[in-house]
Each structure stands twice: as C-alpha cells, then as structure tokens.
C-alpha cells in the first residue's frame, strides 16, 4: 500500500521541507565523526 500510494505522489521541495532538513542537519554535529560522515552519504 505504501508503494502504491507513494509512487503516485511526485513532489517539489518547499520552504517547510528545507527548514526541516536544515534542522536535522544541525543535529549531525552531535554524532561521532564516522557516523556523521555515514549519515551524509545515506
């Protein structure tokens, strides 16, 4: 059901998503260096 629904939901980046992504990005500093690099790759 997830696959069926999401495959019909194209989208475009908006301001709210940008703000959320930046907020999550700020938390990377609390991760160990190796995990921070791994998170960025993911």
ModelCIF file with pLDDT and N, C-alpha, C, O atoms, coordinates in Angstrom:
data_MODEL
#
_entry.id   MODEL 
#
_entity.id                         1 
_entity.type                       polymer 
_entity.pdbx_number_of_molecules   1 
#
_entity_poly.entity_id                      1 
_entity_poly.type                           'polypeptide(L)' 
_entity_poly.nstd_linkage                   no 
_entity_poly.nstd_monomer                   no 
_entity_poly.pdbx_seq_one_letter_code       
;(UNK)(UNK)(UNK)(UNK)(UNK)(UNK)(UNK)(UNK)(UNK)(UNK)(UNK)(UNK)(UNK)(UNK)(UNK)(UNK)
(UNK)(UNK)(UNK)(UNK)(UNK)(UNK)(UNK)(UNK)(UNK)(UNK)(UNK)(UNK)(UNK)(UNK)(UNK)(UNK)
(UNK)(UNK)(UNK)(UNK)(UNK)(UNK)(UNK)(UNK)(UNK)(UNK)
;
_entity_poly.pdbx_seq_one_letter_code_can   XXXXXXXXXXXXXXXXXXXXXXXXXXXXXXXXXXXXXXXXXX 
_entity_poly.pdbx_strand_id                 A 
#
loop_
_entity_poly_seq.entity_id 
_entity_poly_seq.num 
_entity_poly_seq.mon_id 
_entity_poly_seq.hetero 
1 1  UNK n 
1 2  UNK n 
1 3  UNK n 
1 4  UNK n 
1 5  UNK n 
1 6  UNK n 
1 7  UNK n 
1 8  UNK n 
1 9  UNK n 
1 10 UNK n 
1 11 UNK n 
1 12 UNK n 
1 13 UNK n 
1 14 UNK n 
1 15 UNK n 
1 16 UNK n 
1 17 UNK n 
1 18 UNK n 
1 19 UNK n 
1 20 UNK n 
1 21 UNK n 
1 22 UNK n 
1 23 UNK n 
1 24 UNK n 
1 25 UNK n 
1 26 UNK n 
1 27 UNK n 
1 28 UNK n 
1 29 UNK n 
1 30 UNK n 
1 31 UNK n 
1 32 UNK n 
1 33 UNK n 
1 34 UNK n 
1 35 UNK n 
1 36 UNK n 
1 37 UNK n 
1 38 UNK n 
1 39 UNK n 
1 40 UNK n 
1 41 UNK n 
1 42 UNK n 
#
_struct_asym.id          A 
_struct_asym.entity_id   1 
#
loop_
_ma_qa_metric.id 
_ma_qa_metric.mode 
_ma_qa_metric.name 
_ma_qa_metric.software_group_id 
_ma_qa_metric.type 
1 global pLDDT . pLDDT 
2 local  pLDDT . pLDDT 
#
_ma_qa_metric_global.metric_id      1 
_ma_qa_metric_global.metric_value   94.69 
_ma_qa_metric_global.model_id       1 
_ma_qa_metric_global.ordinal_id     1 
#
loop_
_ma_qa_metric_local.label_asym_id 
_ma_qa_metric_local.label_comp_id 
_ma_qa_metric_local.label_seq_id 
_ma_qa_metric_local.metric_id 
_ma_qa_metric_local.metric_value 
_ma_qa_metric_local.model_id 
_ma_qa_metric_local.ordinal_id 
A UNK 1  2 95.00 1 1  
A UNK 2  2 93.00 1 2  
A UNK 3  2 93.00 1 3  
A UNK 4  2 95.00 1 4  
A UNK 5  2 95.00 1 5  
A UNK 6  2 94.00 1 6  
A UNK 7  2 95.00 1 7  
A UNK 8  2 95.00 1 8  
A UNK 9  2 96.00 1 9  
A UNK 10 2 96.00 1 10 
A UNK 11 2 94.00 1 11 
A UNK 12 2 96.00 1 12 
A UNK 13 2 96.00 1 13 
A UNK 14 2 97.00 1 14 
A UNK 15 2 96.00 1 15 
A UNK 16 2 97.00 1 16 
A UNK 17 2 97.00 1 17 
A UNK 18 2 96.00 1 18 
A UNK 19 2 97.00 1 19 
A UNK 20 2 97.00 1 20 
A UNK 21 2 95.00 1 21 
A UNK 22 2 95.00 1 22 
A UNK 23 2 95.00 1 23 
A UNK 24 2 95.00 1 24 
A UNK 25 2 92.00 1 25 
A UNK 26 2 93.00 1 26 
A UNK 27 2 93.00 1 27 
A UNK 28 2 92.00 1 28 
A UNK 29 2 89.00 1 29 
A UNK 30 2 91.00 1 30 
A UNK 31 2 92.00 1 31 
A UNK 32 2 93.00 1 32 
A UNK 33 2 93.00 1 33 
A UNK 34 2 94.00 1 34 
A UNK 35 2 95.00 1 35 
A UNK 36 2 95.00 1 36 
A UNK 37 2 95.00 1 37 
A UNK 38 2 96.00 1 38 
A UNK 39 2 96.00 1 39 
A UNK 40 2 95.00 1 40 
A UNK 41 2 96.00 1 41 
A UNK 42 2 97.00 1 42 
#
loop_
_atom_site.group_PDB 
_atom_site.id 
_atom_site.type_symbol 
_atom_site.label_atom_id 
_atom_site.label_alt_id 
_atom_site.label_comp_id 
_atom_site.label_asym_id 
_atom_site.label_entity_id 
_atom_site.label_seq_id 
_atom_site.pdbx_PDB_ins_code 
_atom_site.Cartn_x 
_atom_site.Cartn_y 
_atom_site.Cartn_z 
_atom_site.occupancy 
_atom_site.B_iso_or_equiv 
_atom_site.pdbx_formal_charge 
_atom_site.auth_seq_id 
_atom_site.auth_comp_id 
_atom_site.auth_asym_id 
_atom_site.auth_atom_id 
_atom_site.pdbx_PDB_model_num 
ATOM 1   N N  . UNK A 1 1  ? 0.827  -1.199 0.000  1.00 95.00 ? 1  UNK A N  1 
ATOM 2   C CA . UNK A 1 1  ? 0.000  0.000  0.000  1.00 95.00 ? 1  UNK A CA 1 
ATOM 3   C C  . UNK A 1 1  ? 0.871  1.263  0.000  1.00 95.00 ? 1  UNK A C  1 
ATOM 4   O O  . UNK A 1 1  ? 0.567  2.229  -0.699 1.00 95.00 ? 1  UNK A O  1 
ATOM 5   N N  . UNK A 1 2  ? 1.951  1.249  0.784  1.00 93.00 ? 2  UNK A N  1 
ATOM 6   C CA . UNK A 1 2  ? 2.897  2.364  0.769  1.00 93.00 ? 2  UNK A CA 1 
ATOM 7   C C  . UNK A 1 2  ? 3.435  2.583  -0.643 1.00 93.00 ? 2  UNK A C  1 
ATOM 8   O O  . UNK A 1 2  ? 3.432  3.701  -1.159 1.00 93.00 ? 2  UNK A O  1 
ATOM 9   N N  . UNK A 1 3  ? 3.897  1.494  -1.256 1.00 93.00 ? 3  UNK A N  1 
ATOM 10  C CA . UNK A 1 3  ? 4.484  1.612  -2.589 1.00 93.00 ? 3  UNK A CA 1 
ATOM 11  C C  . UNK A 1 3  ? 3.481  2.170  -3.588 1.00 93.00 ? 3  UNK A C  1 
ATOM 12  O O  . UNK A 1 3  ? 3.818  3.024  -4.408 1.00 93.00 ? 3  UNK A O  1 
ATOM 13  N N  . UNK A 1 4  ? 2.256  1.686  -3.516 1.00 95.00 ? 4  UNK A N  1 
ATOM 14  C CA . UNK A 1 4  ? 1.225  2.132  -4.454 1.00 95.00 ? 4  UNK A CA 1 
ATOM 15  C C  . UNK A 1 4  ? 0.928  3.622  -4.298 1.00 95.00 ? 4  UNK A C  1 
ATOM 16  O O  . UNK A 1 4  ? 0.818  4.351  -5.284 1.00 95.00 ? 4  UNK A O  1 
ATOM 17  N N  . UNK A 1 5  ? 0.802  4.060  -3.050 1.00 95.00 ? 5  UNK A N  1 
ATOM 18  C CA . UNK A 1 5  ? 0.462  5.462  -2.797 1.00 95.00 ? 5  UNK A CA 1 
ATOM 19  C C  . UNK A 1 5  ? 1.618  6.385  -3.143 1.00 95.00 ? 5  UNK A C  1 
ATOM 20  O O  . UNK A 1 5  ? 1.438  7.366  -3.865 1.00 95.00 ? 5  UNK A O  1 
ATOM 21  N N  . UNK A 1 6  ? 2.810  6.075  -2.631 1.00 94.00 ? 6  UNK A N  1 
ATOM 22  C CA . UNK A 1 6  ? 3.954  6.963  -2.834 1.00 94.00 ? 6  UNK A CA 1 
ATOM 23  C C  . UNK A 1 6  ? 4.354  7.066  -4.300 1.00 94.00 ? 6  UNK A C  1 
ATOM 24  O O  . UNK A 1 6  ? 4.846  8.105  -4.740 1.00 94.00 ? 6  UNK A O  1 
ATOM 25  N N  . UNK A 1 7  ? 4.142  5.988  -5.057 1.00 95.00 ? 7  UNK A N  1 
ATOM 26  C CA . UNK A 1 7  ? 4.505  6.034  -6.474 1.00 95.00 ? 7  UNK A CA 1 
ATOM 27  C C  . UNK A 1 7  ? 3.611  6.995  -7.251 1.00 95.00 ? 7  UNK A C  1 
ATOM 28  O O  . UNK A 1 7  ? 3.919  7.347  -8.390 1.00 95.00 ? 7  UNK A O  1 
ATOM 29  N N  . UNK A 1 8  ? 2.517  7.415  -6.646 1.00 95.00 ? 8  UNK A N  1 
ATOM 30  C CA . UNK A 1 8  ? 1.597  8.369  -7.279 1.00 95.00 ? 8  UNK A CA 1 
ATOM 31  C C  . UNK A 1 8  ? 1.721  9.777  -6.671 1.00 95.00 ? 8  UNK A C  1 
ATOM 32  O O  . UNK A 1 8  ? 0.842  10.619 -6.856 1.00 95.00 ? 8  UNK A O  1 
ATOM 33  N N  . UNK A 1 9  ? 2.822  10.019 -5.945 1.00 96.00 ? 9  UNK A N  1 
ATOM 34  C CA . UNK A 1 9  ? 2.966  11.295 -5.245 1.00 96.00 ? 9  UNK A CA 1 
ATOM 35  C C  . UNK A 1 9  ? 4.249  12.021 -5.630 1.00 96.00 ? 9  UNK A C  1 
ATOM 36  O O  . UNK A 1 9  ? 5.156  12.137 -4.805 1.00 96.00 ? 9  UNK A O  1 
ATOM 37  N N  . UNK A 1 10 ? 4.348  12.517 -6.871 1.00 96.00 ? 10 UNK A N  1 
ATOM 38  C CA . UNK A 1 10 ? 5.508  13.338 -7.233 1.00 96.00 ? 10 UNK A CA 1 
ATOM 39  C C  . UNK A 1 10 ? 5.479  14.617 -6.400 1.00 96.00 ? 10 UNK A C  1 
ATOM 40  O O  . UNK A 1 10 ? 4.417  15.046 -5.949 1.00 96.00 ? 10 UNK A O  1 
ATOM 41  N N  . UNK A 1 11 ? 6.636  15.214 -6.201 1.00 94.00 ? 11 UNK A N  1 
ATOM 42  C CA . UNK A 1 11 ? 6.668  16.389 -5.326 1.00 94.00 ? 11 UNK A CA 1 
ATOM 43  C C  . UNK A 1 11 ? 7.815  17.318 -5.685 1.00 94.00 ? 11 UNK A C  1 
ATOM 44  O O  . UNK A 1 11 ? 8.691  16.982 -6.482 1.00 94.00 ? 11 UNK A O  1 
ATOM 45  N N  . UNK A 1 12 ? 7.787  18.484 -5.081 1.00 96.00 ? 12 UNK A N  1 
ATOM 46  C CA . UNK A 1 12 ? 8.816  19.506 -5.292 1.00 96.00 ? 12 UNK A CA 1 
ATOM 47  C C  . UNK A 1 12 ? 9.210  20.088 -3.938 1.00 96.00 ? 12 UNK A C  1 
ATOM 48  O O  . UNK A 1 12 ? 8.348  20.339 -3.096 1.00 96.00 ? 12 UNK A O  1 
ATOM 49  N N  . UNK A 1 13 ? 10.481 20.297 -3.732 1.00 96.00 ? 13 UNK A N  1 
ATOM 50  C CA . UNK A 1 13 ? 10.969 20.857 -2.469 1.00 96.00 ? 13 UNK A CA 1 
ATOM 51  C C  . UNK A 1 13 ? 10.271 22.184 -2.173 1.00 96.00 ? 13 UNK A C  1 
ATOM 52  O O  . UNK A 1 13 ? 10.131 23.036 -3.050 1.00 96.00 ? 13 UNK A O  1 
ATOM 53  N N  . UNK A 1 14 ? 9.829  22.346 -0.902 1.00 97.00 ? 14 UNK A N  1 
ATOM 54  C CA . UNK A 1 14 ? 9.219  23.608 -0.493 1.00 97.00 ? 14 UNK A CA 1 
ATOM 55  C C  . UNK A 1 14 ? 9.980  24.182 0.710  1.00 97.00 ? 14 UNK A C  1 
ATOM 56  O O  . UNK A 1 14 ? 10.918 23.561 1.210  1.00 97.00 ? 14 UNK A O  1 
ATOM 57  N N  . UNK A 1 15 ? 9.571  25.361 1.166  1.00 96.00 ? 15 UNK A N  1 
ATOM 58  C CA . UNK A 1 15 ? 10.283 26.024 2.264  1.00 96.00 ? 15 UNK A CA 1 
ATOM 59  C C  . UNK A 1 15 ? 10.232 25.214 3.563  1.00 96.00 ? 15 UNK A C  1 
ATOM 60  O O  . UNK A 1 15 ? 11.212 25.149 4.306  1.00 96.00 ? 15 UNK A O  1 
ATOM 61  N N  . UNK A 1 16 ? 9.094  24.609 3.818  1.00 97.00 ? 16 UNK A N  1 
ATOM 62  C CA . UNK A 1 16 ? 8.965  23.842 5.062  1.00 97.00 ? 16 UNK A CA 1 
ATOM 63  C C  . UNK A 1 16 ? 9.924  22.667 5.084  1.00 97.00 ? 16 UNK A C  1 
ATOM 64  O O  . UNK A 1 16 ? 10.565 22.402 6.101  1.00 97.00 ? 16 UNK A O  1 
ATOM 65  N N  . UNK A 1 17 ? 10.025 21.960 3.961  1.00 97.00 ? 17 UNK A N  1 
ATOM 66  C CA . UNK A 1 17 ? 10.953 20.833 3.909  1.00 97.00 ? 17 UNK A CA 1 
ATOM 67  C C  . UNK A 1 17 ? 12.388 21.318 4.044  1.00 97.00 ? 17 UNK A C  1 
ATOM 68  O O  . UNK A 1 17 ? 13.199 20.682 4.718  1.00 97.00 ? 17 UNK A O  1 
ATOM 69  N N  . UNK A 1 18 ? 12.705 22.438 3.409  1.00 96.00 ? 18 UNK A N  1 
ATOM 70  C CA . UNK A 1 18 ? 14.055 22.981 3.527  1.00 96.00 ? 18 UNK A CA 1 
ATOM 71  C C  . UNK A 1 18 ? 14.407 23.300 4.962  1.00 96.00 ? 18 UNK A C  1 
ATOM 72  O O  . UNK A 1 18 ? 15.522 23.032 5.409  1.00 96.00 ? 18 UNK A O  1 
ATOM 73  N N  . UNK A 1 19 ? 13.452 23.877 5.692  1.00 97.00 ? 19 UNK A N  1 
ATOM 74  C CA . UNK A 1 19 ? 13.692 24.215 7.097  1.00 97.00 ? 19 UNK A CA 1 
ATOM 75  C C  . UNK A 1 19 ? 13.867 22.956 7.932  1.00 97.00 ? 19 UNK A C  1 
ATOM 76  O O  . UNK A 1 19 ? 14.730 22.904 8.808  1.00 97.00 ? 19 UNK A O  1 
ATOM 77  N N  . UNK A 1 20 ? 13.050 21.941 7.663  1.00 97.00 ? 20 UNK A N  1 
ATOM 78  C CA . UNK A 1 20 ? 13.163 20.683 8.414  1.00 97.00 ? 20 UNK A CA 1 
ATOM 79  C C  . UNK A 1 20 ? 14.494 19.999 8.137  1.00 97.00 ? 20 UNK A C  1 
ATOM 80  O O  . UNK A 1 20 ? 15.133 19.474 9.049  1.00 97.00 ? 20 UNK A O  1 
ATOM 81  N N  . UNK A 1 21 ? 14.907 20.006 6.874  1.00 95.00 ? 21 UNK A N  1 
ATOM 82  C CA . UNK A 1 21 ? 16.177 19.378 6.514  1.00 95.00 ? 21 UNK A CA 1 
ATOM 83  C C  . UNK A 1 21 ? 17.349 20.097 7.177  1.00 95.00 ? 21 UNK A C  1 
ATOM 84  O O  . UNK A 1 21 ? 18.296 19.453 7.627  1.00 95.00 ? 21 UNK A O  1 
ATOM 85  N N  . UNK A 1 22 ? 17.290 21.435 7.240  1.00 95.00 ? 22 UNK A N  1 
ATOM 86  C CA . UNK A 1 22 ? 18.366 22.187 7.896  1.00 95.00 ? 22 UNK A CA 1 
ATOM 87  C C  . UNK A 1 22 ? 18.401 21.895 9.398  1.00 95.00 ? 22 UNK A C  1 
ATOM 88  O O  . UNK A 1 22 ? 19.474 21.771 9.989  1.00 95.00 ? 22 UNK A O  1 
ATOM 89  N N  . UNK A 1 23 ? 17.232 21.787 10.002 1.00 95.00 ? 23 UNK A N  1 
ATOM 90  C CA . UNK A 1 23 ? 17.156 21.496 11.438 1.00 95.00 ? 23 UNK A CA 1 
ATOM 91  C C  . UNK A 1 23 ? 17.769 20.131 11.738 1.00 95.00 ? 23 UNK A C  1 
ATOM 92  O O  . UNK A 1 23 ? 18.521 19.977 12.700 1.00 95.00 ? 23 UNK A O  1 
ATOM 93  N N  . UNK A 1 24 ? 17.439 19.134 10.900 1.00 95.00 ? 24 UNK A N  1 
ATOM 94  C CA . UNK A 1 24 ? 18.021 17.803 11.083 1.00 95.00 ? 24 UNK A CA 1 
ATOM 95  C C  . UNK A 1 24 ? 19.523 17.852 10.837 1.00 95.00 ? 24 UNK A C  1 
ATOM 96  O O  . UNK A 1 24 ? 20.297 17.206 11.543 1.00 95.00 ? 24 UNK A O  1 
ATOM 97  N N  . UNK A 1 25 ? 19.932 18.629 9.822  1.00 92.00 ? 25 UNK A N  1 
ATOM 98  C CA . UNK A 1 25 ? 21.353 18.749 9.524  1.00 92.00 ? 25 UNK A CA 1 
ATOM 99  C C  . UNK A 1 25 ? 22.152 19.339 10.667 1.00 92.00 ? 25 UNK A C  1 
ATOM 100 O O  . UNK A 1 25 ? 23.315 18.985 10.863 1.00 92.00 ? 25 UNK A O  1 
ATOM 101 N N  . UNK A 1 26 ? 21.532 20.245 11.430 1.00 93.00 ? 26 UNK A N  1 
ATOM 102 C CA . UNK A 1 26 ? 22.224 20.856 12.565 1.00 93.00 ? 26 UNK A CA 1 
ATOM 103 C C  . UNK A 1 26 ? 22.541 19.840 13.662 1.00 93.00 ? 26 UNK A C  1 
ATOM 104 O O  . UNK A 1 26 ? 23.469 20.023 14.448 1.00 93.00 ? 26 UNK A O  1 
ATOM 105 N N  . UNK A 1 27 ? 21.751 18.765 13.698 1.00 93.00 ? 27 UNK A N  1 
ATOM 106 C CA . UNK A 1 27 ? 21.947 17.750 14.726 1.00 93.00 ? 27 UNK A CA 1 
ATOM 107 C C  . UNK A 1 27 ? 23.094 16.797 14.409 1.00 93.00 ? 27 UNK A C  1 
ATOM 108 O O  . UNK A 1 27 ? 23.517 16.014 15.260 1.00 93.00 ? 27 UNK A O  1 
ATOM 109 N N  . UNK A 1 28 ? 23.594 16.871 13.176 1.00 92.00 ? 28 UNK A N  1 
ATOM 110 C CA . UNK A 1 28 ? 24.689 15.978 12.789 1.00 92.00 ? 28 UNK A CA 1 
ATOM 111 C C  . UNK A 1 28 ? 25.910 16.199 13.669 1.00 92.00 ? 28 UNK A C  1 
ATOM 112 O O  . UNK A 1 28 ? 26.680 15.272 13.921 1.00 92.00 ? 28 UNK A O  1 
ATOM 113 N N  . UNK A 1 29 ? 26.084 17.445 14.139 1.00 89.00 ? 29 UNK A N  1 
ATOM 114 C CA . UNK A 1 29 ? 27.240 17.758 14.963 1.00 89.00 ? 29 UNK A CA 1 
ATOM 115 C C  . UNK A 1 29 ? 27.314 16.963 16.249 1.00 89.00 ? 29 UNK A C  1 
ATOM 116 O O  . UNK A 1 29 ? 28.385 16.842 16.843 1.00 89.00 ? 29 UNK A O  1 
ATOM 117 N N  . UNK A 1 30 ? 26.174 16.411 16.693 1.00 91.00 ? 30 UNK A N  1 
ATOM 118 C CA . UNK A 1 30 ? 26.179 15.628 17.928 1.00 91.00 ? 30 UNK A CA 1 
ATOM 119 C C  . UNK A 1 30 ? 26.594 14.181 17.693 1.00 91.00 ? 30 UNK A C  1 
ATOM 120 O O  . UNK A 1 30 ? 26.808 13.428 18.643 1.00 91.00 ? 30 UNK A O  1 
ATOM 121 N N  . UNK A 1 31 ? 26.708 13.793 16.414 1.00 92.00 ? 31 UNK A N  1 
ATOM 122 C CA . UNK A 1 31 ? 27.093 12.417 16.100 1.00 92.00 ? 31 UNK A CA 1 
ATOM 123 C C  . UNK A 1 31 ? 28.603 12.257 16.125 1.00 92.00 ? 31 UNK A C  1 
ATOM 124 O O  . UNK A 1 31 ? 29.335 13.211 15.861 1.00 92.00 ? 31 UNK A O  1 
ATOM 125 N N  . UNK A 1 32 ? 29.076 11.051 16.441 1.00 93.00 ? 32 UNK A N  1 
ATOM 126 C CA . UNK A 1 32 ? 30.510 10.776 16.256 1.00 93.00 ? 32 UNK A CA 1 
ATOM 127 C C  . UNK A 1 32 ? 30.893 11.035 14.803 1.00 93.00 ? 32 UNK A C  1 
ATOM 128 O O  . UNK A 1 32 ? 30.063 10.886 13.905 1.00 93.00 ? 32 UNK A O  1 
ATOM 129 N N  . UNK A 1 33 ? 32.124 11.417 14.571 1.00 93.00 ? 33 UNK A N  1 
ATOM 130 C CA . UNK A 1 33 ? 32.557 11.827 13.232 1.00 93.00 ? 33 UNK A CA 1 
ATOM 131 C C  . UNK A 1 33 ? 32.264 10.774 12.172 1.00 93.00 ? 33 UNK A C  1 
ATOM 132 O O  . UNK A 1 33 ? 31.812 11.109 11.077 1.00 93.00 ? 33 UNK A O  1 
ATOM 133 N N  . UNK A 1 34 ? 32.519 9.494  12.488 1.00 94.00 ? 34 UNK A N  1 
ATOM 134 C CA . UNK A 1 34 ? 32.288 8.437  11.496 1.00 94.00 ? 34 UNK A CA 1 
ATOM 135 C C  . UNK A 1 34 ? 30.806 8.298  11.171 1.00 94.00 ? 34 UNK A C  1 
ATOM 136 O O  . UNK A 1 34 ? 30.441 8.059  10.019 1.00 94.00 ? 34 UNK A O  1 
ATOM 137 N N  . UNK A 1 35 ? 29.953 8.445  12.178 1.00 95.00 ? 35 UNK A N  1 
ATOM 138 C CA . UNK A 1 35 ? 28.515 8.353  11.949 1.00 95.00 ? 35 UNK A CA 1 
ATOM 139 C C  . UNK A 1 35 ? 27.996 9.558  11.185 1.00 95.00 ? 35 UNK A C  1 
ATOM 140 O O  . UNK A 1 35 ? 27.088 9.433  10.363 1.00 95.00 ? 35 UNK A O  1 
ATOM 141 N N  . UNK A 1 36 ? 28.569 10.726 11.453 1.00 95.00 ? 36 UNK A N  1 
ATOM 142 C CA . UNK A 1 36 ? 28.162 11.936 10.738 1.00 95.00 ? 36 UNK A CA 1 
ATOM 143 C C  . UNK A 1 36 ? 28.455 11.792 9.248  1.00 95.00 ? 36 UNK A C  1 
ATOM 144 O O  . UNK A 1 36 ? 27.633 12.161 8.409  1.00 95.00 ? 36 UNK A O  1 
ATOM 145 N N  . UNK A 1 37 ? 29.635 11.251 8.921  1.00 95.00 ? 37 UNK A N  1 
ATOM 146 C CA . UNK A 1 37 ? 30.004 11.045 7.516  1.00 95.00 ? 37 UNK A CA 1 
ATOM 147 C C  . UNK A 1 37 ? 29.096 10.002 6.872  1.00 95.00 ? 37 UNK A C  1 
ATOM 148 O O  . UNK A 1 37 ? 28.689 10.140 5.718  1.00 95.00 ? 37 UNK A O  1 
ATOM 149 N N  . UNK A 1 38 ? 28.787 8.964  7.632  1.00 96.00 ? 38 UNK A N  1 
ATOM 150 C CA . UNK A 1 38 ? 27.905 7.918  7.128  1.00 96.00 ? 38 UNK A CA 1 
ATOM 151 C C  . UNK A 1 38 ? 26.498 8.460  6.877  1.00 96.00 ? 38 UNK A C  1 
ATOM 152 O O  . UNK A 1 38 ? 25.874 8.132  5.868  1.00 96.00 ? 38 UNK A O  1 
ATOM 153 N N  . UNK A 1 39 ? 26.006 9.283  7.788  1.00 96.00 ? 39 UNK A N  1 
ATOM 154 C CA . UNK A 1 39 ? 24.685 9.888  7.632  1.00 96.00 ? 39 UNK A CA 1 
ATOM 155 C C  . UNK A 1 39 ? 24.646 10.739 6.357  1.00 96.00 ? 39 UNK A C  1 
ATOM 156 O O  . UNK A 1 39 ? 23.680 10.675 5.596  1.00 96.00 ? 39 UNK A O  1 
ATOM 157 N N  . UNK A 1 40 ? 25.673 11.518 6.131  1.00 95.00 ? 40 UNK A N  1 
ATOM 158 C CA . UNK A 1 40 ? 25.730 12.366 4.935  1.00 95.00 ? 40 UNK A CA 1 
ATOM 159 C C  . UNK A 1 40 ? 25.683 11.527 3.664  1.00 95.00 ? 40 UNK A C  1 
ATOM 160 O O  . UNK A 1 40 ? 25.025 11.899 2.692  1.00 95.00 ? 40 UNK A O  1 
ATOM 161 N N  . UNK A 1 41 ? 26.387 10.387 3.676  1.00 96.00 ? 41 UNK A N  1 
ATOM 162 C CA . UNK A 1 41 ? 26.369 9.502  2.498  1.00 96.00 ? 41 UNK A CA 1 
ATOM 163 C C  . UNK A 1 41 ? 24.970 8.913  2.277  1.00 96.00 ? 41 UNK A C  1 
ATOM 164 O O  . UNK A 1 41 ? 24.496 8.820  1.145  1.00 96.00 ? 41 UNK A O  1 
ATOM 165 N N  . UNK A 1 42 ? 24.324 8.521  3.370  1.00 97.00 ? 42 UNK A N  1 
ATOM 166 C CA . UNK A 1 42 ? 22.979 7.951  3.273  1.00 97.00 ? 42 UNK A CA 1 
ATOM 167 C C  . UNK A 1 42 ? 22.004 8.967  2.684  1.00 97.00 ? 42 UNK A C  1 
ATOM 168 O O  . UNK A 1 42 ? 20.821 8.666  2.525  1.00 97.00 ? 42 UNK A O  1 
#
